[in-house]
PDB file of N, CA and C in Angstrom:
ATOM      1  N   MET A   1       3.874  13.152   6.847  1.00  0.00           N
ATOM      2  CA  MET A   1       3.457  11.865   6.318  1.00  0.00           C
ATOM      3  C   MET A   1       4.466  11.450   5.259  1.00  0.00           C
ATOM      4  N   ARG A   2       4.923  10.224   5.396  1.00  0.00           N
ATOM      5  CA  ARG A   2       5.956   9.754   4.514  1.00  0.00           C
ATOM      6  C   ARG A   2       5.457   8.552   3.694  1.00  0.00           C
ATOM      7  N   ILE A   3       5.747   8.549   2.404  1.00  0.00           N
ATOM      8  CA  ILE A   3       5.422   7.443   1.544  1.00  0.00           C
ATOM      9  C   ILE A   3       6.762   6.897   1.036  1.00  0.00           C
ATOM     10  N   GLU A   4       6.978   5.604   1.276  1.00  0.00           N
ATOM     11  CA  GLU A   4       8.244   4.965   0.874  1.00  0.00           C
ATOM     12  C   GLU A   4       7.948   3.825  -0.058  1.00  0.00           C
ATOM     13  N   VAL A   5       8.599   3.857  -1.233  1.00  0.00           N
ATOM     14  CA  VAL A   5       8.429   2.792  -2.227  1.00  0.00           C
ATOM     15  C   VAL A   5       9.787   2.103  -2.412  1.00  0.00           C
ATOM     16  N   THR A   6       9.853   0.809  -2.111  1.00  0.00           N
ATOM     17  CA  THR A   6      11.128   0.080  -2.233  1.00  0.00           C
ATOM     18  C   THR A   6      10.909  -1.173  -3.068  1.00  0.00           C
ATOM     19  N   GLY A   7      11.998  -1.652  -3.643  1.00  0.00           N
ATOM     20  CA  GLY A   7      11.941  -2.861  -4.470  1.00  0.00           C
ATOM     21  C   GLY A   7      12.929  -3.864  -4.006  1.00  0.00           C
ATOM     22  N   ARG A   8      12.502  -5.120  -3.983  1.00  0.00           N
ATOM     23  CA  ARG A   8      13.375  -6.239  -3.700  1.00  0.00           C
ATOM     24  C   ARG A   8      13.500  -7.071  -4.982  1.00  0.00           C
ATOM     25  N   ARG A   9      14.689  -7.270  -5.414  1.00  0.00           N
ATOM     26  CA  ARG A   9      14.949  -7.968  -6.689  1.00  0.00           C
ATOM     27  C   ARG A   9      14.190  -7.331  -7.866  1.00  0.00           C
ATOM     28  N   LEU A  10      14.012  -6.002  -7.747  1.00  0.00           N
ATOM     29  CA  LEU A  10      13.285  -5.233  -8.760  1.00  0.00           C
ATOM     30  C   LEU A  10      13.745  -3.789  -8.687  1.00  0.00           C
ATOM     31  N   ASP A  11      14.039  -3.213  -9.857  1.00  0.00           N
ATOM     32  CA  ASP A  11      14.382  -1.806  -9.907  1.00  0.00           C
ATOM     33  C   ASP A  11      13.076  -1.011  -9.978  1.00  0.00           C
ATOM     34  N   VAL A  12      12.931  -0.061  -9.052  1.00  0.00           N
ATOM     35  CA  VAL A  12      11.731   0.753  -9.009  1.00  0.00           C
ATOM     36  C   VAL A  12      11.974   1.976  -9.913  1.00  0.00           C
ATOM     37  N   THR A  13      11.251   2.007 -10.985  1.00  0.00           N
ATOM     38  CA  THR A  13      11.402   3.124 -11.921  1.00  0.00           C
ATOM     39  C   THR A  13      10.583   4.318 -11.442  1.00  0.00           C
ATOM     40  N   ASP A  14      10.807   5.454 -12.044  1.00  0.00           N
ATOM     41  CA  ASP A  14      10.037   6.654 -11.682  1.00  0.00           C
ATOM     42  C   ASP A  14       8.546   6.459 -11.946  1.00  0.00           C
ATOM     43  N   ALA A  15       8.219   5.767 -13.045  1.00  0.00           N
ATOM     44  CA  ALA A  15       6.792   5.533 -13.357  1.00  0.00           C
ATOM     45  C   ALA A  15       6.121   4.645 -12.336  1.00  0.00           C
ATOM     46  N   ILE A  16       6.818   3.608 -11.864  1.00  0.00           N
ATOM     47  CA  ILE A  16       6.260   2.742 -10.834  1.00  0.00           C
ATOM     48  C   ILE A  16       6.097   3.475  -9.544  1.00  0.00           C
ATOM     49  N   ARG A  17       7.103   4.310  -9.159  1.00  0.00           N
ATOM     50  CA  ARG A  17       7.037   5.073  -7.936  1.00  0.00           C
ATOM     51  C   ARG A  17       5.875   6.060  -7.973  1.00  0.00           C
ATOM     52  N   GLU A  18       5.715   6.768  -9.076  1.00  0.00           N
ATOM     53  CA  GLU A  18       4.618   7.757  -9.218  1.00  0.00           C
ATOM     54  C   GLU A  18       3.264   7.061  -9.125  1.00  0.00           C
ATOM     55  N   HIS A  19       3.139   5.895  -9.781  1.00  0.00           N
ATOM     56  CA  HIS A  19       1.894   5.121  -9.737  1.00  0.00           C
ATOM     57  C   HIS A  19       1.556   4.724  -8.310  1.00  0.00           C
ATOM     58  N   ALA A  20       2.560   4.193  -7.604  1.00  0.00           N
ATOM     59  CA  ALA A  20       2.320   3.767  -6.209  1.00  0.00           C
ATOM     60  C   ALA A  20       1.956   4.941  -5.297  1.00  0.00           C
ATOM     61  N   GLU A  21       2.665   6.056  -5.479  1.00  0.00           N
ATOM     62  CA  GLU A  21       2.347   7.234  -4.639  1.00  0.00           C
ATOM     63  C   GLU A  21       0.956   7.793  -4.917  1.00  0.00           C
ATOM     64  N   LYS A  22       0.593   7.792  -6.175  1.00  0.00           N
ATOM     65  CA  LYS A  22      -0.728   8.262  -6.526  1.00  0.00           C
ATOM     66  C   LYS A  22      -1.842   7.360  -5.967  1.00  0.00           C
ATOM     67  N   LYS A  23      -1.622   6.047  -5.990  1.00  0.00           N
ATOM     68  CA  LYS A  23      -2.605   5.130  -5.477  1.00  0.00           C
ATOM     69  C   LYS A  23      -2.755   5.219  -3.937  1.00  0.00           C
ATOM     70  N   VAL A  24      -1.651   5.378  -3.223  1.00  0.00           N
ATOM     71  CA  VAL A  24      -1.735   5.419  -1.756  1.00  0.00           C
ATOM     72  C   VAL A  24      -2.315   6.731  -1.254  1.00  0.00           C
ATOM     73  N   GLU A  25      -2.395   7.737  -2.091  1.00  0.00           N
ATOM     74  CA  GLU A  25      -2.978   9.004  -1.638  1.00  0.00           C
ATOM     75  C   GLU A  25      -4.439   8.843  -1.280  1.00  0.00           C
ATOM     76  N   LYS A  26      -5.129   7.874  -1.869  1.00  0.00           N
ATOM     77  CA  LYS A  26      -6.538   7.703  -1.492  1.00  0.00           C
ATOM     78  C   LYS A  26      -6.679   7.228  -0.037  1.00  0.00           C
ATOM     79  N   ILE A  27      -5.693   6.548   0.464  1.00  0.00           N
ATOM     80  CA  ILE A  27      -5.698   6.123   1.895  1.00  0.00           C
ATOM     81  C   ILE A  27      -5.617   7.364   2.793  1.00  0.00           C
ATOM     82  N   LEU A  28      -4.817   8.305   2.370  1.00  0.00           N
ATOM     83  CA  LEU A  28      -4.667   9.544   3.128  1.00  0.00           C
ATOM     84  C   LEU A  28      -5.961  10.324   3.215  1.00  0.00           C
ATOM     85  N   HIS A  29      -6.794  10.266   2.166  1.00  0.00           N
ATOM     86  CA  HIS A  29      -8.040  10.999   2.142  1.00  0.00           C
ATOM     87  C   HIS A  29      -9.071  10.331   3.013  1.00  0.00           C
ATOM     88  N   ARG A  30      -8.898   9.017   3.290  1.00  0.00           N
ATOM     89  CA  ARG A  30      -9.880   8.296   4.086  1.00  0.00           C
ATOM     90  C   ARG A  30      -9.658   8.456   5.589  1.00  0.00           C
ATOM     91  N   PHE A  31      -8.402   8.617   6.018  1.00  0.00           N
ATOM     92  CA  PHE A  31      -8.119   8.624   7.471  1.00  0.00           C
ATOM     93  C   PHE A  31      -6.961   9.583   7.760  1.00  0.00           C
ATOM     94  N   ASP A  32      -7.144  10.440   8.746  1.00  0.00           N
ATOM     95  CA  ASP A  32      -6.138  11.475   9.079  1.00  0.00           C
ATOM     96  C   ASP A  32      -5.031  10.930   9.960  1.00  0.00           C
ATOM     97  N   GLY A  33      -5.224   9.749  10.596  1.00  0.00           N
ATOM     98  CA  GLY A  33      -4.250   9.225  11.524  1.00  0.00           C
ATOM     99  C   GLY A  33      -3.132   8.409  10.914  1.00  0.00           C
ATOM    100  N   VAL A  34      -2.907   8.515   9.605  1.00  0.00           N
ATOM    101  CA  VAL A  34      -1.832   7.782   8.937  1.00  0.00           C
ATOM    102  C   VAL A  34      -0.515   8.486   9.184  1.00  0.00           C
ATOM    103  N   GLN A  35       0.474   7.725   9.650  1.00  0.00           N
ATOM    104  CA  GLN A  35       1.796   8.276   9.910  1.00  0.00           C
ATOM    105  C   GLN A  35       2.782   8.022   8.761  1.00  0.00           C
ATOM    106  N   GLU A  36       2.714   6.794   8.239  1.00  0.00           N
ATOM    107  CA  GLU A  36       3.653   6.409   7.175  1.00  0.00           C
ATOM    108  C   GLU A  36       3.015   5.281   6.346  1.00  0.00           C
ATOM    109  N   ILE A  37       3.369   5.266   5.062  1.00  0.00           N
ATOM    110  CA  ILE A  37       2.908   4.199   4.178  1.00  0.00           C
ATOM    111  C   ILE A  37       4.130   3.649   3.466  1.00  0.00           C
ATOM    112  N   GLU A  38       4.316   2.323   3.517  1.00  0.00           N
ATOM    113  CA  GLU A  38       5.389   1.647   2.824  1.00  0.00           C
ATOM    114  C   GLU A  38       4.788   0.792   1.720  1.00  0.00           C
ATOM    115  N   VAL A  39       5.380   0.864   0.548  1.00  0.00           N
ATOM    116  CA  VAL A  39       5.020   0.003  -0.568  1.00  0.00           C
ATOM    117  C   VAL A  39       6.257  -0.786  -0.906  1.00  0.00           C
ATOM    118  N   ILE A  40       6.217  -2.096  -0.720  1.00  0.00           N
ATOM    119  CA  ILE A  40       7.347  -2.996  -0.985  1.00  0.00           C
ATOM    120  C   ILE A  40       7.000  -3.863  -2.179  1.00  0.00           C
ATOM    121  N   LEU A  41       7.830  -3.782  -3.209  1.00  0.00           N
ATOM    122  CA  LEU A  41       7.615  -4.528  -4.419  1.00  0.00           C
ATOM    123  C   LEU A  41       8.694  -5.602  -4.542  1.00  0.00           C
ATOM    124  N   ASP A  42       8.262  -6.782  -5.018  1.00  0.00           N
ATOM    125  CA  ASP A  42       9.202  -7.874  -5.191  1.00  0.00           C
ATOM    126  C   ASP A  42       8.887  -8.581  -6.501  1.00  0.00           C
ATOM    127  N   GLN A  43       9.921  -9.139  -7.121  1.00  0.00           N
ATOM    128  CA  GLN A  43       9.674  -9.889  -8.350  1.00  0.00           C
ATOM    129  C   GLN A  43      10.107 -11.320  -8.097  1.00  0.00           C
ATOM    130  N   ASP A  44       9.155 -12.214  -8.127  1.00  0.00           N
ATOM    131  CA  ASP A  44       9.406 -13.644  -7.931  1.00  0.00           C
ATOM    132  C   ASP A  44       9.618 -14.291  -9.286  1.00  0.00           C
ATOM    133  N   GLY A  45      10.796 -14.712  -9.559  1.00  0.00           N
ATOM    134  CA  GLY A  45      11.068 -15.284 -10.888  1.00  0.00           C
ATOM    135  C   GLY A  45      11.092 -14.211 -11.948  1.00  0.00           C
ATOM    136  N   SER A  46      10.569 -14.512 -13.096  1.00  0.00           N
ATOM    137  CA  SER A  46      10.638 -13.541 -14.196  1.00  0.00           C
ATOM    138  C   SER A  46       9.305 -12.855 -14.497  1.00  0.00           C
ATOM    139  N   THR A  47       8.170 -13.439 -14.049  1.00  0.00           N
ATOM    140  CA  THR A  47       6.923 -12.880 -14.477  1.00  0.00           C
ATOM    141  C   THR A  47       5.974 -12.491 -13.323  1.00  0.00           C
ATOM    142  N   GLU A  48       6.198 -12.997 -12.110  1.00  0.00           N
ATOM    143  CA  GLU A  48       5.239 -12.730 -11.058  1.00  0.00           C
ATOM    144  C   GLU A  48       5.757 -11.648 -10.089  1.00  0.00           C
ATOM    145  N   PHE A  49       4.912 -10.674  -9.822  1.00  0.00           N
ATOM    146  CA  PHE A  49       5.237  -9.564  -8.960  1.00  0.00           C
ATOM    147  C   PHE A  49       4.423  -9.649  -7.668  1.00  0.00           C
ATOM    148  N   THR A  50       5.013  -9.248  -6.541  1.00  0.00           N
ATOM    149  CA  THR A  50       4.311  -9.189  -5.300  1.00  0.00           C
ATOM    150  C   THR A  50       4.389  -7.748  -4.797  1.00  0.00           C
ATOM    151  N   ALA A  51       3.265  -7.235  -4.385  1.00  0.00           N
ATOM    152  CA  ALA A  51       3.194  -5.868  -3.821  1.00  0.00           C
ATOM    153  C   ALA A  51       2.671  -5.976  -2.406  1.00  0.00           C
ATOM    154  N   GLU A  52       3.262  -5.233  -1.507  1.00  0.00           N
ATOM    155  CA  GLU A  52       2.819  -5.217  -0.107  1.00  0.00           C
ATOM    156  C   GLU A  52       2.738  -3.745   0.301  1.00  0.00           C
ATOM    157  N   THR A  53       1.600  -3.402   0.853  1.00  0.00           N
ATOM    158  CA  THR A  53       1.351  -2.042   1.305  1.00  0.00           C
ATOM    159  C   THR A  53       1.193  -2.088   2.810  1.00  0.00           C
ATOM    160  N   ILE A  54       2.030  -1.372   3.533  1.00  0.00           N
ATOM    161  CA  ILE A  54       1.963  -1.338   4.992  1.00  0.00           C
ATOM    162  C   ILE A  54       1.606   0.098   5.401  1.00  0.00           C
ATOM    163  N   VAL A  55       0.503   0.226   6.123  1.00  0.00           N
ATOM    164  CA  VAL A  55       0.010   1.532   6.536  1.00  0.00           C
ATOM    165  C   VAL A  55       0.181   1.635   8.046  1.00  0.00           C
ATOM    166  N   HIS A  56       1.019   2.527   8.503  1.00  0.00           N
ATOM    167  CA  HIS A  56       1.264   2.759   9.932  1.00  0.00           C
ATOM    168  C   HIS A  56       0.323   3.904  10.370  1.00  0.00           C
ATOM    169  N   VAL A  57      -0.541   3.606  11.346  1.00  0.00           N
ATOM    170  CA  VAL A  57      -1.485   4.585  11.869  1.00  0.00           C
ATOM    171  C   VAL A  57      -1.279   4.840  13.339  1.00  0.00           C
ATOM    172  N   VAL A  58      -1.901   5.878  13.832  1.00  0.00           N
ATOM    173  CA  VAL A  58      -1.814   6.249  15.257  1.00  0.00           C
ATOM    174  C   VAL A  58      -2.634   5.282  16.092  1.00  0.00           C
ATOM    175  N   LYS A  59      -2.080   4.814  17.199  1.00  0.00           N
ATOM    176  CA  LYS A  59      -2.791   4.039  18.211  1.00  0.00           C
ATOM    177  C   LYS A  59      -3.404   2.736  17.685  1.00  0.00           C
ATOM    178  N   HIS A  60      -2.747   2.100  16.731  1.00  0.00           N
ATOM    179  CA  HIS A  60      -3.212   0.802  16.219  1.00  0.00           C
ATOM    180  C   HIS A  60      -2.054   0.122  15.545  1.00  0.00           C
ATOM    181  N   ASP A  61      -2.141  -1.193  15.412  1.00  0.00           N
ATOM    182  CA  ASP A  61      -1.163  -1.912  14.667  1.00  0.00           C
ATOM    183  C   ASP A  61      -1.252  -1.518  13.179  1.00  0.00           C
ATOM    184  N   SER A  62      -0.174  -1.814  12.483  1.00  0.00           N
ATOM    185  CA  SER A  62      -0.138  -1.473  11.044  1.00  0.00           C
ATOM    186  C   SER A  62      -1.139  -2.324  10.279  1.00  0.00           C
ATOM    187  N   PHE A  63      -1.661  -1.741   9.212  1.00  0.00           N
ATOM    188  CA  PHE A  63      -2.531  -2.466   8.267  1.00  0.00           C
ATOM    189  C   PHE A  63      -1.701  -2.909   7.077  1.00  0.00           C
ATOM    190  N   VAL A  64      -1.876  -4.160   6.660  1.00  0.00           N
ATOM    191  CA  VAL A  64      -1.071  -4.703   5.589  1.00  0.00           C
ATOM    192  C   VAL A  64      -1.958  -5.253   4.502  1.00  0.00           C
ATOM    193  N   GLY A  65      -1.646  -4.858   3.263  1.00  0.00           N
ATOM    194  CA  GLY A  65      -2.325  -5.406   2.090  1.00  0.00           C
ATOM    195  C   GLY A  65      -1.321  -6.027   1.169  1.00  0.00           C
ATOM    196  N   ARG A  66      -1.543  -7.290   0.780  1.00  0.00           N
ATOM    197  CA  ARG A  66      -0.599  -8.005  -0.100  1.00  0.00           C
ATOM    198  C   ARG A  66      -1.341  -8.454  -1.372  1.00  0.00           C
ATOM    199  N   ALA A  67      -0.635  -8.469  -2.475  1.00  0.00           N
ATOM    200  CA  ALA A  67      -1.211  -8.947  -3.722  1.00  0.00           C
ATOM    201  C   ALA A  67      -0.112  -9.439  -4.648  1.00  0.00           C
ATOM    202  N   LYS A  68      -0.455 -10.435  -5.454  1.00  0.00           N
ATOM    203  CA  LYS A  68       0.483 -10.952  -6.448  1.00  0.00           C
ATOM    204  C   LYS A  68      -0.192 -10.863  -7.807  1.00  0.00           C
ATOM    205  N   GLY A  69       0.656 -10.734  -8.837  1.00  0.00           N
ATOM    206  CA  GLY A  69       0.108 -10.683 -10.184  1.00  0.00           C
ATOM    207  C   GLY A  69       1.216 -10.655 -11.211  1.00  0.00           C
ATOM    208  N   ASP A  70       0.795 -10.790 -12.482  1.00  0.00           N
ATOM    209  CA  ASP A  70       1.760 -10.764 -13.579  1.00  0.00           C
ATOM    210  C   ASP A  70       2.158  -9.349 -13.981  1.00  0.00           C
ATOM    211  N   ASP A  71       1.376  -8.357 -13.526  1.00  0.00           N
ATOM    212  CA  ASP A  71       1.639  -6.976 -13.830  1.00  0.00           C
ATOM    213  C   ASP A  71       1.915  -6.214 -12.522  1.00  0.00           C
ATOM    214  N   VAL A  72       3.029  -5.520 -12.444  1.00  0.00           N
ATOM    215  CA  VAL A  72       3.380  -4.819 -11.220  1.00  0.00           C
ATOM    216  C   VAL A  72       2.357  -3.736 -10.851  1.00  0.00           C
ATOM    217  N   TYR A  73       1.823  -3.050 -11.866  1.00  0.00           N
ATOM    218  CA  TYR A  73       0.855  -2.009 -11.601  1.00  0.00           C
ATOM    219  C   TYR A  73      -0.445  -2.559 -11.017  1.00  0.00           C
ATOM    220  N   LEU A  74      -0.907  -3.698 -11.532  1.00  0.00           N
ATOM    221  CA  LEU A  74      -2.154  -4.300 -10.995  1.00  0.00           C
ATOM    222  C   LEU A  74      -1.891  -4.820  -9.580  1.00  0.00           C
ATOM    223  N   ALA A  75      -0.700  -5.365  -9.330  1.00  0.00           N
ATOM    224  CA  ALA A  75      -0.380  -5.865  -7.988  1.00  0.00           C
ATOM    225  C   ALA A  75      -0.397  -4.692  -6.983  1.00  0.00           C
ATOM    226  N   ILE A  76       0.131  -3.558  -7.389  1.00  0.00           N
ATOM    227  CA  ILE A  76       0.096  -2.377  -6.509  1.00  0.00           C
ATOM    228  C   ILE A  76      -1.321  -1.980  -6.252  1.00  0.00           C
ATOM    229  N   ASP A  77      -2.133  -1.898  -7.325  1.00  0.00           N
ATOM    230  CA  ASP A  77      -3.524  -1.507  -7.169  1.00  0.00           C
ATOM    231  C   ASP A  77      -4.296  -2.395  -6.197  1.00  0.00           C
ATOM    232  N   HIS A  78      -4.121  -3.713  -6.309  1.00  0.00           N
ATOM    233  CA  HIS A  78      -4.805  -4.629  -5.422  1.00  0.00           C
ATOM    234  C   HIS A  78      -4.337  -4.551  -4.000  1.00  0.00           C
ATOM    235  N   ALA A  79      -3.025  -4.412  -3.794  1.00  0.00           N
ATOM    236  CA  ALA A  79      -2.498  -4.324  -2.460  1.00  0.00           C
ATOM    237  C   ALA A  79      -2.973  -3.040  -1.764  1.00  0.00           C
ATOM    238  N   VAL A  80      -2.992  -1.941  -2.505  1.00  0.00           N
ATOM    239  CA  VAL A  80      -3.436  -0.665  -1.920  1.00  0.00           C
ATOM    240  C   VAL A  80      -4.924  -0.741  -1.595  1.00  0.00           C
ATOM    241  N   ASP A  81      -5.717  -1.352  -2.493  1.00  0.00           N
ATOM    242  CA  ASP A  81      -7.141  -1.486  -2.202  1.00  0.00           C
ATOM    243  C   ASP A  81      -7.396  -2.299  -0.956  1.00  0.00           C
ATOM    244  N   LYS A  82      -6.647  -3.357  -0.749  1.00  0.00           N
ATOM    245  CA  LYS A  82      -6.821  -4.170   0.461  1.00  0.00           C
ATOM    246  C   LYS A  82      -6.465  -3.394   1.728  1.00  0.00           C
ATOM    247  N   ALA A  83      -5.386  -2.658   1.691  1.00  0.00           N
ATOM    248  CA  ALA A  83      -4.999  -1.848   2.858  1.00  0.00           C
ATOM    249  C   ALA A  83      -6.002  -0.722   3.105  1.00  0.00           C
ATOM    250  N   ALA A  84      -6.465  -0.120   2.013  1.00  0.00           N
ATOM    251  CA  ALA A  84      -7.459   1.004   2.160  1.00  0.00           C
ATOM    252  C   ALA A  84      -8.761   0.470   2.763  1.00  0.00           C
ATOM    253  N   ARG A  85      -9.175  -0.689   2.378  1.00  0.00           N
ATOM    254  CA  ARG A  85     -10.409  -1.299   2.944  1.00  0.00           C
ATOM    255  C   ARG A  85     -10.249  -1.524   4.470  1.00  0.00           C
ATOM    256  N   GLN A  86      -9.074  -2.010   4.884  1.00  0.00           N
ATOM    257  CA  GLN A  86      -8.797  -2.217   6.284  1.00  0.00           C
ATOM    258  C   GLN A  86      -8.835  -0.893   7.071  1.00  0.00           C
ATOM    259  N   VAL A  87      -8.233   0.139   6.514  1.00  0.00           N
ATOM    260  CA  VAL A  87      -8.210   1.441   7.167  1.00  0.00           C
ATOM    261  C   VAL A  87      -9.658   2.009   7.249  1.00  0.00           C
ATOM    262  N   GLN A  88     -10.410   1.860   6.198  1.00  0.00           N
ATOM    263  CA  GLN A  88     -11.811   2.325   6.193  1.00  0.00           C
ATOM    264  C   GLN A  88     -12.625   1.621   7.271  1.00  0.00           C
ATOM    265  N   GLU A  89     -12.462   0.299   7.393  1.00  0.00           N
ATOM    266  CA  GLU A  89     -13.204  -0.455   8.396  1.00  0.00           C
ATOM    267  C   GLU A  89     -12.791  -0.022   9.831  1.00  0.00           C
ATOM    268  N   PHE A  90     -11.502   0.257  10.012  1.00  0.00           N
ATOM    269  CA  PHE A  90     -11.017   0.726  11.299  1.00  0.00           C
ATOM    270  C   PHE A  90     -11.635   2.064  11.635  1.00  0.00           C
ATOM    271  N   LYS A  91     -11.677   2.944  10.642  1.00  0.00           N
ATOM    272  CA  LYS A  91     -12.243   4.274  10.847  1.00  0.00           C
ATOM    273  C   LYS A  91     -13.730   4.192  11.206  1.00  0.00           C
ATOM    274  N   GLU A  92     -14.438   3.274  10.578  1.00  0.00           N
ATOM    275  CA  GLU A  92     -15.868   3.114  10.875  1.00  0.00           C
ATOM    276  C   GLU A  92     -16.068   2.550  12.277  1.00  0.00           C
ATOM    277  N   ARG A  93     -15.187   1.679  12.733  1.00  0.00           N
ATOM    278  CA  ARG A  93     -15.267   1.168  14.075  1.00  0.00           C
ATOM    279  C   ARG A  93     -15.023   2.277  15.096  1.00  0.00           C
ATOM    280  N   LEU A  94     -14.076   3.177  14.790  1.00  0.00           N
ATOM    281  CA  LEU A  94     -13.823   4.311  15.686  1.00  0.00           C
ATOM    282  C   LEU A  94     -15.052   5.235  15.791  1.00  0.00           C
ATOM    283  N   ARG A  95     -15.690   5.453  14.676  1.00  0.00           N
ATOM    284  CA  ARG A  95     -16.877   6.316  14.659  1.00  0.00           C
ATOM    285  C   ARG A  95     -18.035   5.709  15.467  1.00  0.00           C
ATOM    286  N   SER A  96     -18.184   4.382  15.382  1.00  0.00           N
ATOM    287  CA  SER A  96     -19.321   3.744  16.042  1.00  0.00           C
ATOM    288  C   SER A  96     -19.150   3.663  17.547  1.00  0.00           C
ATOM    289  N   HIS A  97     -17.933   3.804  18.049  1.00  0.00           N
ATOM    290  CA  HIS A  97     -17.743   3.778  19.490  1.00  0.00           C
ATOM    291  C   HIS A  97     -17.918   5.143  20.010  1.00  0.00           C
TER     292      HIS A  97
END
């Protein structure tokens, strides 16, 4: 399982990378079929950050969570929460069938 954190127009510091990796670990605990997780960070202008979390899973299209905010850490949190919710709903659909 690979976790990749990249930045566009933004330098990804060790603290940001560790925060993103720690947050996406909760997706791994929810579903075993995760193959790869990408966290893409972007800085629009000087104050707004965009975080995008892409979760690649087995036998399904990727799940994507996007969020914008003034704080890069909050944007990561919201994007990961959105992707985690999608993965959880997919897992529940698999169980009900």
